[in-house]
Amino acid sequence: MTLGLAGLAADQRIDIVSHWPTWWTFPFLLLSRHLQVGALTARQFEQERLPFLPVIEVNQYSAACAFAERGLGVAILDSMSGLYARRHGLRVVPVDVEGGLDLAIVWPLNRGLGRVARQLESGLVHELSHTTE
């Protein structure tokens, strides 16, 4: 399953960096576990032994995008939602992790990727790259 975060320029790839273990303390938004995509996302986190502690669980990708646009957190979205996030004026950046989750970062066009979001993406990539080896 392909997932995504709310963030950066669409053509920029994220390198693996080391901001673990505190990435999960930053606010992130996910689709609710009551939805199939949300349940799959939660299961992926749990299988990789990653903390699944979203500050907000939403029922629609558009709500996650709206919260991310307002700066309330970084949205972790599936690939289809990432396509629609672009249509709402957000940027989507794929995060490459071999053999693991494909993530993307979704962020407002008029803002740079904040420190918190950078640390979240770095921690996710770092941890996922080590748990899938």
C-alpha atoms as a PDB file:
ATOM      1  CA  MET A   1       0.000   0.000   0.000  1.00  0.00           C
ATOM      2  CA  THR A   2       1.236   3.474  -0.839  1.00  0.00           C
ATOM      3  CA  LEU A   3       0.941   6.162   1.814  1.00  0.00           C
ATOM      4  CA  GLY A   4       1.838   9.824   1.953  1.00  0.00           C
ATOM      5  CA  LEU A   5       2.675  12.721   4.293  1.00  0.00           C
ATOM      6  CA  ALA A   6       1.741  16.387   3.906  1.00  0.00           C
ATOM      7  CA  GLY A   7       4.724  18.462   2.611  1.00  0.00           C
ATOM      8  CA  LEU A   8       7.445  19.641   0.113  1.00  0.00           C
ATOM      9  CA  ALA A   9       7.892  20.019  -3.652  1.00  0.00           C
ATOM     10  CA  ALA A  10       6.539  17.084  -5.636  1.00  0.00           C
ATOM     11  CA  ASP A  11       9.746  16.465  -7.573  1.00  0.00           C
ATOM     12  CA  GLN A  12      12.021  16.340  -4.530  1.00  0.00           C
ATOM     13  CA  ARG A  13      12.974  12.963  -3.061  1.00  0.00           C
ATOM     14  CA  ILE A  14      13.608  12.500   0.628  1.00  0.00           C
ATOM     15  CA  ASP A  15      16.908  11.048   1.835  1.00  0.00           C
ATOM     16  CA  ILE A  16      17.145   8.804   4.862  1.00  0.00           C
ATOM     17  CA  VAL A  17      18.247  10.855   7.878  1.00  0.00           C
ATOM     18  CA  SER A  18      18.387  10.140  11.610  1.00  0.00           C
ATOM     19  CA  HIS A  19      15.808  11.862  13.783  1.00  0.00           C
ATOM     20  CA  TRP A  20      14.592   8.704  15.477  1.00  0.00           C
ATOM     21  CA  PRO A  21      13.195   7.999  18.131  1.00  0.00           C
ATOM     22  CA  THR A  22      11.288  11.261  18.582  1.00  0.00           C
ATOM     23  CA  TRP A  23       9.536  11.582  15.189  1.00  0.00           C
ATOM     24  CA  TRP A  24       6.294  10.162  16.587  1.00  0.00           C
ATOM     25  CA  THR A  25       6.015  12.970  19.148  1.00  0.00           C
ATOM     26  CA  PHE A  26       5.220  15.369  16.291  1.00  0.00           C
ATOM     27  CA  PRO A  27       1.579  15.852  15.298  1.00  0.00           C
ATOM     28  CA  PHE A  28       0.406  13.686  12.436  1.00  0.00           C
ATOM     29  CA  LEU A  29      -3.018  13.067  10.944  1.00  0.00           C
ATOM     30  CA  LEU A  30      -4.357   9.804   9.572  1.00  0.00           C
ATOM     31  CA  LEU A  31      -7.496   8.367   8.105  1.00  0.00           C
ATOM     32  CA  SER A  32      -9.591   6.678  10.799  1.00  0.00           C
ATOM     33  CA  ARG A  33      -9.110   3.001  11.631  1.00  0.00           C
ATOM     34  CA  HIS A  34     -12.819   2.581  10.867  1.00  0.00           C
ATOM     35  CA  LEU A  35     -11.982   3.060   7.190  1.00  0.00           C
ATOM     36  CA  GLN A  36     -10.295   0.288   5.227  1.00  0.00           C
ATOM     37  CA  VAL A  37      -7.340   2.479   4.242  1.00  0.00           C
ATOM     38  CA  GLY A  38      -6.989   3.727   7.830  1.00  0.00           C
ATOM     39  CA  ALA A  39      -7.042   0.173   9.190  1.00  0.00           C
ATOM     40  CA  LEU A  40      -4.392  -0.902   6.659  1.00  0.00           C
ATOM     41  CA  THR A  41      -2.243   2.086   7.595  1.00  0.00           C
ATOM     42  CA  ALA A  42      -2.543   1.316  11.315  1.00  0.00           C
ATOM     43  CA  ARG A  43      -1.685  -2.330  10.646  1.00  0.00           C
ATOM     44  CA  GLN A  44       1.401  -1.319   8.634  1.00  0.00           C
ATOM     45  CA  PHE A  45       2.597   0.888  11.494  1.00  0.00           C
ATOM     46  CA  GLU A  46       2.024  -1.889  14.022  1.00  0.00           C
ATOM     47  CA  GLN A  47       3.717  -4.553  11.868  1.00  0.00           C
ATOM     48  CA  GLU A  48       6.769  -2.307  11.623  1.00  0.00           C
ATOM     49  CA  ARG A  49       6.564  -1.708  15.409  1.00  0.00           C
ATOM     50  CA  LEU A  50       6.077   2.013  14.872  1.00  0.00           C
ATOM     51  CA  PRO A  51       3.987   4.021  17.329  1.00  0.00           C
ATOM     52  CA  PHE A  52       0.534   4.663  15.861  1.00  0.00           C
ATOM     53  CA  LEU A  53      -0.381   7.829  17.739  1.00  0.00           C
ATOM     54  CA  PRO A  54      -2.107  10.282  15.400  1.00  0.00           C
ATOM     55  CA  VAL A  55      -3.240  13.550  16.965  1.00  0.00           C
ATOM     56  CA  ILE A  56      -6.310  13.471  14.745  1.00  0.00           C
ATOM     57  CA  GLU A  57      -8.036  10.627  12.899  1.00  0.00           C
ATOM     58  CA  VAL A  58     -10.323  11.805  10.110  1.00  0.00           C
ATOM     59  CA  ASN A  59     -12.950  10.154   7.928  1.00  0.00           C
ATOM     60  CA  GLN A  60     -11.996  11.903   4.691  1.00  0.00           C
ATOM     61  CA  TYR A  61      -8.719  12.737   3.003  1.00  0.00           C
ATOM     62  CA  SER A  62     -10.040  16.277   2.445  1.00  0.00           C
ATOM     63  CA  ALA A  63     -10.266  16.808   6.213  1.00  0.00           C
ATOM     64  CA  ALA A  64      -6.676  15.588   6.641  1.00  0.00           C
ATOM     65  CA  CYS A  65      -5.587  17.987   3.896  1.00  0.00           C
ATOM     66  CA  ALA A  66      -7.475  20.887   5.501  1.00  0.00           C
ATOM     67  CA  PHE A  67      -5.875  20.214   8.892  1.00  0.00           C
ATOM     68  CA  ALA A  68      -2.424  19.926   7.307  1.00  0.00           C
ATOM     69  CA  GLU A  69      -2.979  23.158   5.400  1.00  0.00           C
ATOM     70  CA  ARG A  70      -3.861  24.932   8.661  1.00  0.00           C
ATOM     71  CA  GLY A  71      -0.641  23.627  10.221  1.00  0.00           C
ATOM     72  CA  LEU A  72      -2.269  21.267  12.722  1.00  0.00           C
ATOM     73  CA  GLY A  73      -0.119  18.326  11.696  1.00  0.00           C
ATOM     74  CA  VAL A  74       1.421  16.344   8.889  1.00  0.00           C
ATOM     75  CA  ALA A  75      -1.082  14.218   6.961  1.00  0.00           C
ATOM     76  CA  ILE A  76      -0.175  10.635   6.136  1.00  0.00           C
ATOM     77  CA  LEU A  77      -2.257   9.678   3.118  1.00  0.00           C
ATOM     78  CA  ASP A  78      -2.666   6.837   0.653  1.00  0.00           C
ATOM     79  CA  SER A  79      -1.467   7.422  -2.911  1.00  0.00           C
ATOM     80  CA  MET A  80      -4.927   8.152  -4.358  1.00  0.00           C
ATOM     81  CA  SER A  81      -5.592  10.782  -1.705  1.00  0.00           C
ATOM     82  CA  GLY A  82      -2.193  12.263  -2.487  1.00  0.00           C
ATOM     83  CA  LEU A  83      -3.337  12.830  -6.075  1.00  0.00           C
ATOM     84  CA  TYR A  84      -6.368  14.738  -4.854  1.00  0.00           C
ATOM     85  CA  ALA A  85      -4.291  16.662  -2.321  1.00  0.00           C
ATOM     86  CA  ARG A  86      -2.435  18.223  -5.273  1.00  0.00           C
ATOM     87  CA  ARG A  87      -5.773  19.380  -6.689  1.00  0.00           C
ATOM     88  CA  HIS A  88      -6.463  21.148  -3.395  1.00  0.00           C
ATOM     89  CA  GLY A  89      -3.270  23.193  -3.708  1.00  0.00           C
ATOM     90  CA  LEU A  90      -1.062  20.984  -1.555  1.00  0.00           C
ATOM     91  CA  ARG A  91       2.305  19.540  -2.465  1.00  0.00           C
ATOM     92  CA  VAL A  92       2.917  15.823  -2.269  1.00  0.00           C
ATOM     93  CA  VAL A  93       6.375  14.325  -1.908  1.00  0.00           C
ATOM     94  CA  PRO A  94       7.033  10.598  -2.153  1.00  0.00           C
ATOM     95  CA  VAL A  95       9.265   9.147   0.531  1.00  0.00           C
ATOM     96  CA  ASP A  96      11.226   6.189  -0.809  1.00  0.00           C
ATOM     97  CA  VAL A  97      11.764   3.268   1.535  1.00  0.00           C
ATOM     98  CA  GLU A  98      12.942   0.005  -0.014  1.00  0.00           C
ATOM     99  CA  GLY A  99      10.637  -2.877   0.764  1.00  0.00           C
ATOM    100  CA  GLY A 100       8.481  -0.826   3.119  1.00  0.00           C
ATOM    101  CA  LEU A 101       5.694   1.696   3.020  1.00  0.00           C
ATOM    102  CA  ASP A 102       5.701   4.188   0.168  1.00  0.00           C
ATOM    103  CA  LEU A 103       5.019   7.508   1.874  1.00  0.00           C
ATOM    104  CA  ALA A 104       4.385  10.998   0.541  1.00  0.00           C
ATOM    105  CA  ILE A 105       4.374  14.343   2.298  1.00  0.00           C
ATOM    106  CA  VAL A 106       1.503  16.772   1.660  1.00  0.00           C
ATOM    107  CA  TRP A 107       2.003  20.433   2.579  1.00  0.00           C
ATOM    108  CA  PRO A 108       0.567  23.845   1.577  1.00  0.00           C
ATOM    109  CA  LEU A 109       2.092  25.366  -1.563  1.00  0.00           C
ATOM    110  CA  ASN A 110       2.657  28.717   0.120  1.00  0.00           C
ATOM    111  CA  ARG A 111       4.667  27.337   3.057  1.00  0.00           C
ATOM    112  CA  GLY A 112       7.995  25.645   3.409  1.00  0.00           C
ATOM    113  CA  LEU A 113       8.213  22.270   5.068  1.00  0.00           C
ATOM    114  CA  GLY A 114       8.441  23.041   8.779  1.00  0.00           C
ATOM    115  CA  ARG A 115      11.034  21.647  11.168  1.00  0.00           C
ATOM    116  CA  VAL A 116       8.470  19.381  12.803  1.00  0.00           C
ATOM    117  CA  ALA A 117       7.373  17.903   9.473  1.00  0.00           C
ATOM    118  CA  ARG A 118      10.990  17.410   8.366  1.00  0.00           C
ATOM    119  CA  GLN A 119      11.777  15.554  11.563  1.00  0.00           C
ATOM    120  CA  LEU A 120       8.643  13.441  11.207  1.00  0.00           C
ATOM    121  CA  GLU A 121       9.496  12.440   7.649  1.00  0.00           C
ATOM    122  CA  SER A 122      13.140  11.799   8.537  1.00  0.00           C
ATOM    123  CA  GLY A 123      12.219   9.607  11.486  1.00  0.00           C
ATOM    124  CA  LEU A 124       9.687   7.630   9.463  1.00  0.00           C
ATOM    125  CA  VAL A 125      12.118   7.015   6.641  1.00  0.00           C
ATOM    126  CA  HIS A 126      14.951   6.138   8.996  1.00  0.00           C
ATOM    127  CA  GLU A 127      12.881   3.708  11.041  1.00  0.00           C
ATOM    128  CA  LEU A 128      11.172   2.082   8.073  1.00  0.00           C
ATOM    129  CA  SER A 129      14.492   1.596   6.296  1.00  0.00           C
ATOM    130  CA  HIS A 130      15.842  -0.286   9.317  1.00  0.00           C
ATOM    131  CA  THR A 131      12.762  -2.408  10.083  1.00  0.00           C
ATOM    132  CA  THR A 132      12.392  -3.750   6.542  1.00  0.00           C
ATOM    133  CA  GLU A 133      15.959  -5.025   6.162  1.00  0.00           C
END
